[in-house]
């Protein structure tokens, strides 16, 4: 257990919770190092914007080509 979780565990025991319930509740609390920061979220947003832009380019470049090939296959066998 980390320091924060063990403190919660001890507090729950002092408050009268059973040992098994205190362990379960203390284990359910996320540790600070596993949480995302605002900078992490901003970085992910920037990466997603770049990926969406690349997908848009691919769709607009190859979409008409694929559509033309499908039309040729259907109407001009």
N, C-alpha and C. Protein backbone atom coordinates (compact mmCIF):
# COMPACT_ATOMS: atom_id res chain seq x y z
N UNK A 1 0.84 -1.18 0.00
CA UNK A 1 0.00 0.00 0.00
C UNK A 1 0.88 1.24 0.00
N UNK A 2 0.43 2.28 -0.69
CA UNK A 2 1.18 3.53 -0.66
C UNK A 2 0.83 4.30 0.60
N UNK A 3 1.51 5.42 0.82
CA UNK A 3 1.31 6.21 2.04
C UNK A 3 -0.14 6.71 2.12
N UNK A 4 -0.63 7.24 1.01
CA UNK A 4 -1.98 7.80 1.02
C UNK A 4 -3.01 6.70 1.29
N UNK A 5 -2.88 5.58 0.63
CA UNK A 5 -3.83 4.50 0.79
C UNK A 5 -3.77 3.93 2.20
N UNK A 6 -2.59 3.80 2.76
CA UNK A 6 -2.49 3.26 4.12
C UNK A 6 -3.09 4.23 5.14
N UNK A 7 -2.98 5.53 4.88
CA UNK A 7 -3.62 6.51 5.76
C UNK A 7 -5.13 6.39 5.71
N UNK A 8 -5.67 6.19 4.54
CA UNK A 8 -7.11 6.01 4.39
C UNK A 8 -7.53 4.72 5.07
N UNK A 9 -6.75 3.67 4.89
CA UNK A 9 -7.04 2.38 5.52
C UNK A 9 -7.08 2.53 7.04
N UNK A 10 -6.09 3.20 7.61
CA UNK A 10 -6.06 3.41 9.06
C UNK A 10 -7.24 4.24 9.53
N UNK A 11 -7.59 5.26 8.78
CA UNK A 11 -8.72 6.12 9.16
C UNK A 11 -10.03 5.35 9.12
N UNK A 12 -10.19 4.48 8.14
CA UNK A 12 -11.41 3.69 8.06
C UNK A 12 -11.51 2.69 9.21
N UNK A 13 -10.38 2.11 9.58
CA UNK A 13 -10.38 1.19 10.73
C UNK A 13 -10.76 1.93 12.01
N UNK A 14 -10.21 3.13 12.18
CA UNK A 14 -10.53 3.91 13.37
C UNK A 14 -12.00 4.35 13.38
N UNK A 15 -12.57 4.52 12.20
CA UNK A 15 -13.97 4.94 12.12
C UNK A 15 -14.92 3.78 12.37
N UNK A 16 -14.39 2.56 12.42
CA UNK A 16 -15.24 1.41 12.74
C UNK A 16 -15.54 0.49 11.58
N UNK A 17 -14.91 0.69 10.45
CA UNK A 17 -15.14 -0.21 9.31
C UNK A 17 -14.41 -1.52 9.55
N UNK A 18 -14.93 -2.58 8.96
CA UNK A 18 -14.25 -3.87 9.11
C UNK A 18 -12.95 -3.85 8.32
N UNK A 19 -12.06 -4.79 8.64
CA UNK A 19 -10.75 -4.80 8.01
C UNK A 19 -10.85 -5.04 6.50
N UNK A 20 -11.72 -5.96 6.09
CA UNK A 20 -11.84 -6.26 4.66
C UNK A 20 -12.44 -5.09 3.89
N UNK A 21 -13.44 -4.42 4.48
CA UNK A 21 -14.04 -3.26 3.80
C UNK A 21 -13.06 -2.10 3.74
N UNK A 22 -12.27 -1.91 4.77
CA UNK A 22 -11.28 -0.83 4.78
C UNK A 22 -10.21 -1.08 3.72
N UNK A 23 -9.77 -2.33 3.58
CA UNK A 23 -8.78 -2.66 2.54
C UNK A 23 -9.34 -2.41 1.15
N UNK A 24 -10.59 -2.84 0.93
CA UNK A 24 -11.20 -2.68 -0.39
C UNK A 24 -11.37 -1.20 -0.73
N UNK A 25 -11.82 -0.41 0.24
CA UNK A 25 -12.03 1.01 -0.02
C UNK A 25 -10.70 1.73 -0.25
N UNK A 26 -9.69 1.38 0.53
CA UNK A 26 -8.39 2.03 0.37
C UNK A 26 -7.74 1.64 -0.96
N UNK A 27 -7.98 0.43 -1.41
CA UNK A 27 -7.40 -0.01 -2.68
C UNK A 27 -8.10 0.64 -3.87
N UNK A 28 -9.33 1.08 -3.68
CA UNK A 28 -10.09 1.67 -4.79
C UNK A 28 -9.70 3.10 -5.06
N UNK A 29 -8.99 3.73 -4.15
CA UNK A 29 -8.59 5.12 -4.34
C UNK A 29 -7.36 5.16 -5.24
N UNK A 30 -7.44 5.94 -6.36
CA UNK A 30 -6.28 5.99 -7.27
C UNK A 30 -5.12 6.75 -6.65
N UNK A 31 -3.94 6.27 -6.94
CA UNK A 31 -2.72 6.92 -6.46
C UNK A 31 -2.43 8.11 -7.37
N UNK A 32 -1.91 9.19 -6.83
CA UNK A 32 -1.70 10.41 -7.58
C UNK A 32 -0.85 10.25 -8.83
N UNK A 33 0.10 9.33 -8.83
CA UNK A 33 0.96 9.18 -10.00
C UNK A 33 0.24 8.52 -11.18
N UNK A 34 -0.95 7.97 -10.95
CA UNK A 34 -1.70 7.33 -12.02
C UNK A 34 -2.78 8.24 -12.60
N UNK A 35 -2.86 9.47 -12.15
CA UNK A 35 -3.86 10.40 -12.64
C UNK A 35 -3.27 11.28 -13.73
N UNK A 36 -4.12 11.70 -14.67
CA UNK A 36 -3.67 12.56 -15.76
C UNK A 36 -3.66 14.01 -15.30
N UNK A 37 -2.68 14.74 -15.77
CA UNK A 37 -2.59 16.17 -15.47
C UNK A 37 -3.18 16.96 -16.62
N UNK A 38 -3.33 18.26 -16.44
CA UNK A 38 -3.85 19.11 -17.50
C UNK A 38 -2.91 19.09 -18.70
N UNK A 39 -1.61 19.01 -18.45
CA UNK A 39 -0.64 18.97 -19.54
C UNK A 39 -0.78 17.67 -20.33
N UNK A 40 -1.04 16.55 -19.64
CA UNK A 40 -1.24 15.28 -20.32
C UNK A 40 -2.45 15.35 -21.25
N UNK A 41 -3.53 15.93 -20.75
CA UNK A 41 -4.75 16.02 -21.55
C UNK A 41 -4.54 16.95 -22.75
N UNK A 42 -3.84 18.06 -22.54
CA UNK A 42 -3.56 18.98 -23.65
C UNK A 42 -2.70 18.31 -24.71
N UNK A 43 -1.74 17.51 -24.28
CA UNK A 43 -0.89 16.78 -25.23
C UNK A 43 -1.70 15.77 -26.03
N UNK A 44 -2.60 15.07 -25.37
CA UNK A 44 -3.45 14.11 -26.08
C UNK A 44 -4.36 14.80 -27.08
N UNK A 45 -4.90 15.96 -26.69
CA UNK A 45 -5.75 16.71 -27.62
C UNK A 45 -4.98 17.12 -28.87
N UNK A 46 -3.75 17.57 -28.68
CA UNK A 46 -2.93 17.98 -29.83
C UNK A 46 -2.64 16.79 -30.74
N UNK A 47 -2.33 15.64 -30.14
CA UNK A 47 -2.07 14.45 -30.94
C UNK A 47 -3.32 14.02 -31.70
N UNK A 48 -4.47 14.08 -31.05
CA UNK A 48 -5.71 13.69 -31.72
C UNK A 48 -6.05 14.62 -32.86
N UNK A 49 -5.81 15.93 -32.67
CA UNK A 49 -6.07 16.88 -33.76
C UNK A 49 -5.19 16.58 -34.96
N UNK A 50 -3.94 16.22 -34.72
CA UNK A 50 -3.03 15.90 -35.83
C UNK A 50 -3.49 14.63 -36.54
N UNK A 51 -3.92 13.63 -35.76
CA UNK A 51 -4.38 12.39 -36.39
C UNK A 51 -5.65 12.60 -37.18
N UNK A 52 -6.56 13.41 -36.67
CA UNK A 52 -7.81 13.70 -37.40
C UNK A 52 -7.51 14.45 -38.68
N UNK A 53 -6.56 15.38 -38.64
CA UNK A 53 -6.19 16.12 -39.84
C UNK A 53 -5.62 15.17 -40.89
N UNK A 54 -4.80 14.21 -40.47
CA UNK A 54 -4.23 13.25 -41.41
C UNK A 54 -5.32 12.36 -42.01
N UNK A 55 -6.30 11.98 -41.20
CA UNK A 55 -7.41 11.17 -41.73
C UNK A 55 -8.24 11.95 -42.73
N UNK A 56 -8.46 13.23 -42.46
CA UNK A 56 -9.22 14.06 -43.40
C UNK A 56 -8.51 14.14 -44.74
N UNK A 57 -7.21 14.32 -44.71
CA UNK A 57 -6.44 14.39 -45.95
C UNK A 57 -6.55 13.07 -46.71
N UNK A 58 -6.43 11.96 -46.00
CA UNK A 58 -6.52 10.66 -46.66
C UNK A 58 -7.90 10.44 -47.26
N UNK A 59 -8.94 10.84 -46.54
CA UNK A 59 -10.31 10.64 -47.05
C UNK A 59 -10.53 11.49 -48.30
N UNK A 60 -10.10 12.75 -48.29
CA UNK A 60 -10.34 13.62 -49.43
C UNK A 60 -9.44 13.29 -50.61
N UNK A 61 -8.29 12.65 -50.36
CA UNK A 61 -7.43 12.26 -51.47
C UNK A 61 -7.86 10.95 -52.09
N UNK A 62 -8.13 9.96 -51.24
CA UNK A 62 -8.40 8.62 -51.75
C UNK A 62 -9.89 8.31 -51.88
N UNK A 63 -10.74 9.08 -51.25
CA UNK A 63 -12.18 8.85 -51.34
C UNK A 63 -12.70 8.92 -52.77
N UNK A 64 -12.41 10.00 -53.50
CA UNK A 64 -12.89 10.07 -54.88
C UNK A 64 -12.30 8.98 -55.78
N UNK A 65 -11.07 8.61 -55.52
CA UNK A 65 -10.45 7.54 -56.31
C UNK A 65 -11.18 6.22 -56.09
N UNK A 66 -11.45 5.89 -54.85
CA UNK A 66 -12.15 4.64 -54.54
C UNK A 66 -13.58 4.69 -55.08
N UNK A 67 -14.24 5.83 -54.94
CA UNK A 67 -15.60 5.97 -55.47
C UNK A 67 -15.61 5.80 -56.99
N UNK A 68 -14.63 6.38 -57.67
CA UNK A 68 -14.55 6.21 -59.12
C UNK A 68 -14.33 4.77 -59.51
N UNK A 69 -13.48 4.06 -58.79
CA UNK A 69 -13.25 2.65 -59.09
C UNK A 69 -14.50 1.81 -58.86
N UNK A 70 -15.24 2.12 -57.79
CA UNK A 70 -16.48 1.38 -57.53
C UNK A 70 -17.52 1.64 -58.61
N UNK A 71 -17.63 2.89 -59.05
CA UNK A 71 -18.58 3.20 -60.12
C UNK A 71 -18.19 2.48 -61.40
N UNK A 72 -16.88 2.45 -61.70
CA UNK A 72 -16.44 1.74 -62.89
C UNK A 72 -16.76 0.25 -62.82
N UNK A 73 -16.55 -0.35 -61.65
CA UNK A 73 -16.82 -1.77 -61.50
C UNK A 73 -18.30 -2.09 -61.62
N UNK A 74 -19.15 -1.22 -61.11
CA UNK A 74 -20.60 -1.49 -61.12
C UNK A 74 -21.19 -1.22 -62.50
N UNK A 75 -20.85 -0.09 -63.10
CA UNK A 75 -21.52 0.30 -64.34
C UNK A 75 -20.75 -0.08 -65.61
N UNK A 76 -19.48 -0.35 -65.54
CA UNK A 76 -18.69 -0.68 -66.72
C UNK A 76 -17.85 -1.92 -66.45
N UNK A 77 -18.47 -3.07 -66.41
CA UNK A 77 -17.72 -4.31 -66.07
C UNK A 77 -16.74 -4.75 -67.10
